[in-house]
């Protein structure tokens, strides 16, 4: 019984980590939970976490203050890169 509970917990933990999300923080302090697809010289592309199969959003870098990635790293003040 204990082994099956431990196995269930392990599988739950693995599946939870596969649904990690990034946070896009706009200069206006609006935060959007997202999956960032691309950060290039002029713009950022992401999908909203609440609709991961939905449209891809493209935003000018100048509109974004920072991005917090699911692996705990972040990019701050990205318009100056």
C-alpha atoms as a PDB file:
ATOM      1  CA  UNK A   1       0.000   0.000   0.000  1.00  0.00           C
ATOM      2  CA  UNK A   2       2.755   2.433   0.926  1.00  0.00           C
ATOM      3  CA  UNK A   3       4.609   1.623  -2.274  1.00  0.00           C
ATOM      4  CA  UNK A   4       1.559   2.427  -4.430  1.00  0.00           C
ATOM      5  CA  UNK A   5       1.038   5.752  -2.640  1.00  0.00           C
ATOM      6  CA  UNK A   6       4.687   6.657  -3.162  1.00  0.00           C
ATOM      7  CA  UNK A   7       4.472   5.673  -6.834  1.00  0.00           C
ATOM      8  CA  UNK A   8       1.297   7.720  -7.288  1.00  0.00           C
ATOM      9  CA  UNK A   9       2.920  10.736  -5.658  1.00  0.00           C
ATOM     10  CA  UNK A  10       5.994  10.393  -7.872  1.00  0.00           C
ATOM     11  CA  UNK A  11       3.904  10.210 -11.049  1.00  0.00           C
ATOM     12  CA  UNK A  12       1.832  13.190  -9.913  1.00  0.00           C
ATOM     13  CA  UNK A  13       4.998  15.215  -9.264  1.00  0.00           C
ATOM     14  CA  UNK A  14       6.424  14.375 -12.681  1.00  0.00           C
ATOM     15  CA  UNK A  15       3.201  15.279 -14.475  1.00  0.00           C
ATOM     16  CA  UNK A  16       2.887  18.545 -12.506  1.00  0.00           C
ATOM     17  CA  UNK A  17       6.401  19.646 -13.492  1.00  0.00           C
ATOM     18  CA  UNK A  18       5.628  19.121 -17.175  1.00  0.00           C
ATOM     19  CA  UNK A  19       2.985  21.857 -16.934  1.00  0.00           C
ATOM     20  CA  UNK A  20       5.401  24.568 -15.807  1.00  0.00           C
ATOM     21  CA  UNK A  21       4.650  28.098 -16.814  1.00  0.00           C
ATOM     22  CA  UNK A  22       6.479  31.327 -17.477  1.00  0.00           C
ATOM     23  CA  UNK A  23       5.325  34.774 -16.401  1.00  0.00           C
ATOM     24  CA  UNK A  24       5.462  37.737 -18.782  1.00  0.00           C
ATOM     25  CA  UNK A  25       5.441  41.056 -16.909  1.00  0.00           C
ATOM     26  CA  UNK A  26       4.473  44.103 -18.941  1.00  0.00           C
ATOM     27  CA  UNK A  27       5.757  47.618 -18.206  1.00  0.00           C
ATOM     28  CA  UNK A  28       2.212  48.450 -17.055  1.00  0.00           C
ATOM     29  CA  UNK A  29       2.637  45.777 -14.294  1.00  0.00           C
ATOM     30  CA  UNK A  30       0.179  43.380 -15.943  1.00  0.00           C
ATOM     31  CA  UNK A  31       1.339  39.787 -15.457  1.00  0.00           C
ATOM     32  CA  UNK A  32       0.430  37.062 -17.919  1.00  0.00           C
ATOM     33  CA  UNK A  33       0.953  33.375 -17.244  1.00  0.00           C
ATOM     34  CA  UNK A  34       2.353  32.004 -20.471  1.00  0.00           C
ATOM     35  CA  UNK A  35       4.659  29.628 -22.265  1.00  0.00           C
ATOM     36  CA  UNK A  36       7.304  31.792 -23.933  1.00  0.00           C
ATOM     37  CA  UNK A  37       8.131  30.384 -27.353  1.00  0.00           C
ATOM     38  CA  UNK A  38      10.685  32.877 -28.643  1.00  0.00           C
ATOM     39  CA  UNK A  39      12.559  35.979 -27.552  1.00  0.00           C
ATOM     40  CA  UNK A  40      14.254  37.713 -30.449  1.00  0.00           C
ATOM     41  CA  UNK A  41      15.758  41.140 -31.132  1.00  0.00           C
ATOM     42  CA  UNK A  42      12.480  43.022 -31.600  1.00  0.00           C
ATOM     43  CA  UNK A  43       9.661  40.926 -30.160  1.00  0.00           C
ATOM     44  CA  UNK A  44       8.534  38.121 -27.884  1.00  0.00           C
ATOM     45  CA  UNK A  45       6.193  35.301 -28.864  1.00  0.00           C
ATOM     46  CA  UNK A  46       4.188  33.360 -26.308  1.00  0.00           C
ATOM     47  CA  UNK A  47       1.035  31.338 -25.759  1.00  0.00           C
ATOM     48  CA  UNK A  48      -1.272  32.018 -22.849  1.00  0.00           C
ATOM     49  CA  UNK A  49      -1.008  29.285 -20.254  1.00  0.00           C
ATOM     50  CA  UNK A  50      -4.787  29.147 -19.916  1.00  0.00           C
ATOM     51  CA  UNK A  51      -5.068  28.311 -23.646  1.00  0.00           C
ATOM     52  CA  UNK A  52      -1.803  26.605 -24.578  1.00  0.00           C
ATOM     53  CA  UNK A  53      -3.292  25.267 -27.830  1.00  0.00           C
ATOM     54  CA  UNK A  54      -4.634  28.706 -28.770  1.00  0.00           C
ATOM     55  CA  UNK A  55      -3.117  31.562 -30.724  1.00  0.00           C
ATOM     56  CA  UNK A  56       0.489  32.701 -30.492  1.00  0.00           C
ATOM     57  CA  UNK A  57       0.810  36.270 -29.196  1.00  0.00           C
ATOM     58  CA  UNK A  58       3.563  38.551 -30.485  1.00  0.00           C
ATOM     59  CA  UNK A  59       4.568  41.593 -28.422  1.00  0.00           C
ATOM     60  CA  UNK A  60       7.242  44.253 -28.961  1.00  0.00           C
ATOM     61  CA  UNK A  61      10.103  43.917 -26.488  1.00  0.00           C
ATOM     62  CA  UNK A  62       9.646  47.561 -25.522  1.00  0.00           C
ATOM     63  CA  UNK A  63       6.274  46.662 -23.931  1.00  0.00           C
ATOM     64  CA  UNK A  64       7.769  44.002 -21.638  1.00  0.00           C
ATOM     65  CA  UNK A  65       9.497  44.712 -18.332  1.00  0.00           C
ATOM     66  CA  UNK A  66      10.652  41.163 -17.563  1.00  0.00           C
ATOM     67  CA  UNK A  67      10.046  37.453 -18.012  1.00  0.00           C
ATOM     68  CA  UNK A  68      10.223  34.870 -15.238  1.00  0.00           C
ATOM     69  CA  UNK A  69      10.816  31.417 -16.656  1.00  0.00           C
ATOM     70  CA  UNK A  70       9.572  28.162 -15.148  1.00  0.00           C
ATOM     71  CA  UNK A  71      13.142  27.082 -14.317  1.00  0.00           C
ATOM     72  CA  UNK A  72      13.438  30.066 -11.910  1.00  0.00           C
ATOM     73  CA  UNK A  73      15.630  32.124 -14.243  1.00  0.00           C
ATOM     74  CA  UNK A  74      14.485  35.514 -15.466  1.00  0.00           C
ATOM     75  CA  UNK A  75      15.221  38.290 -17.903  1.00  0.00           C
ATOM     76  CA  UNK A  76      14.787  41.812 -16.538  1.00  0.00           C
ATOM     77  CA  UNK A  77      14.459  45.082 -18.440  1.00  0.00           C
ATOM     78  CA  UNK A  78      14.671  43.216 -21.720  1.00  0.00           C
ATOM     79  CA  UNK A  79      14.106  46.261 -23.918  1.00  0.00           C
ATOM     80  CA  UNK A  80      17.702  47.345 -23.248  1.00  0.00           C
ATOM     81  CA  UNK A  81      19.241  44.099 -24.593  1.00  0.00           C
END
